[in-house]
Protein backbone atom coordinates (compact mmCIF):
# COMPACT_ATOMS: atom_id res chain seq x y z
CA MET A 1 -105.58 102.57 171.43
CA ALA A 2 -106.45 103.32 167.81
CA TYR A 3 -109.17 101.81 165.50
CA PHE A 4 -108.92 102.58 161.82
CA THR A 5 -111.85 102.52 159.50
CA PRO A 6 -111.85 102.66 155.74
CA THR A 7 -112.90 106.17 155.55
CA GLY A 8 -109.58 107.34 157.14
CA PHE A 9 -110.82 108.04 160.61
CA VAL A 10 -109.18 106.81 163.77
CA LYS A 11 -110.48 106.36 167.22
CA VAL A 12 -108.03 107.36 169.52
CA ASN A 13 -109.01 107.29 173.44
CA GLY A 14 -112.65 107.10 172.58
CA GLU A 15 -112.61 110.18 170.19
CA TRP A 16 -112.79 109.83 166.48
CA GLU A 17 -110.10 111.76 164.56
CA ARG A 18 -109.42 112.22 160.71
CA THR A 19 -105.95 110.84 159.90
CA MET A 20 -103.93 110.68 156.68
CA ILE A 21 -100.98 108.67 158.42
CA TYR A 22 -100.23 106.45 155.46
CA SER A 23 -97.42 104.34 157.40
CA GLU A 24 -100.00 103.49 160.07
CA ARG A 25 -102.89 102.70 157.76
CA GLU A 26 -100.38 100.69 155.36
CA VAL A 27 -100.25 98.03 158.22
CA PHE A 28 -103.78 97.45 158.11
CA THR A 29 -104.60 98.03 154.29
CA ARG A 30 -101.66 96.44 152.50
CA ASN A 31 -102.38 92.70 150.67
CA GLY A 32 -102.48 90.15 153.22
CA GLY A 33 -102.97 92.73 156.18
CA ALA A 34 -105.96 92.64 158.76
CA TYR A 35 -108.35 94.86 156.84
CA ASP A 36 -107.52 93.34 153.50
CA ARG A 37 -108.46 89.80 154.96
CA GLY A 38 -111.45 90.93 156.53
CA SER A 39 -112.69 92.76 153.45
CA ALA A 40 -111.99 89.63 151.27
CA ASP A 41 -113.90 87.22 153.60
CA ALA A 42 -116.98 89.58 153.44
CA TRP A 43 -116.76 89.69 149.77
CA TYR A 44 -116.55 86.15 149.27
CA GLY A 45 -119.44 85.46 151.89
CA ARG A 46 -117.09 83.67 154.55
CA PRO A 47 -117.78 83.95 158.03
CA ALA A 48 -115.75 86.38 160.28
CA GLU A 49 -112.65 84.67 161.49
CA PRO A 50 -110.04 87.35 162.06
CA HIS A 51 -106.66 86.49 160.77
CA TYR A 52 -103.79 88.31 158.68
CA PHE A 53 -100.69 87.24 156.79
CA THR A 54 -97.06 88.75 157.68
CA GLY A 55 -96.72 89.01 154.01
CA ASP A 56 -98.77 88.50 150.81
CA THR A 57 -101.92 86.41 151.02
CA TYR A 58 -101.38 82.73 151.18
CA GLN A 59 -97.53 83.22 150.51
CA SER A 60 -96.51 83.99 154.02
CA THR A 61 -97.23 82.96 157.78
CA LYS A 62 -100.92 83.26 158.59
CA ILE A 63 -101.72 84.83 161.95
CA GLU A 64 -105.01 83.61 163.69
CA GLU A 65 -107.03 85.64 166.08
CA VAL A 66 -105.62 84.23 169.14
CA ASP A 67 -102.29 85.84 168.35
CA MET A 68 -103.71 89.16 167.24
CA SER A 69 -103.85 92.43 169.04
CA GLU A 70 -106.93 94.39 169.56
CA GLU A 71 -105.94 96.69 167.07
CA GLU A 72 -105.48 94.14 164.15
CA ILE A 73 -108.89 92.62 165.09
CA ALA A 74 -110.48 95.79 164.95
CA ALA A 75 -108.85 96.39 161.58
CA TYR A 76 -110.11 92.84 160.26
CA MET A 77 -113.67 93.72 161.50
CA ALA A 78 -113.57 97.20 160.00
CA GLY A 79 -112.58 95.72 156.62
CA TYR A 80 -115.15 92.95 157.27
CA ASN A 81 -118.08 95.47 157.87
CA ALA A 82 -117.05 98.22 155.37
CA THR A 83 -119.39 96.90 152.58
CA PRO A 84 -121.87 94.64 154.35
CA PHE A 85 -124.01 94.09 151.49
CA ALA A 86 -121.26 93.78 148.81
CA GLN A 87 -120.71 90.30 147.82
CA LYS A 88 -119.45 88.33 145.05
CA GLU A 89 -121.96 86.91 142.66
CA TRP A 90 -121.24 83.19 141.77
């Protein structure tokens, strides 16, 4: 199982490794992806509720936490926790 972080590290079988594999990271960092949605929820001060969209945000099917893999939930949480003190000023 692999967990991606915003700094480009991946946790594989309990060990952190540096990775530059774009195709795998793209799944989690693309617009509407799990990492993207986590970071957006944190930015706008919303509670952590893991989800992602199959395509662009709000323009495609929304996948809720109950239907997400452990990797997808971890990617969402990595995005949510990437900048814990950065939030939009209203």
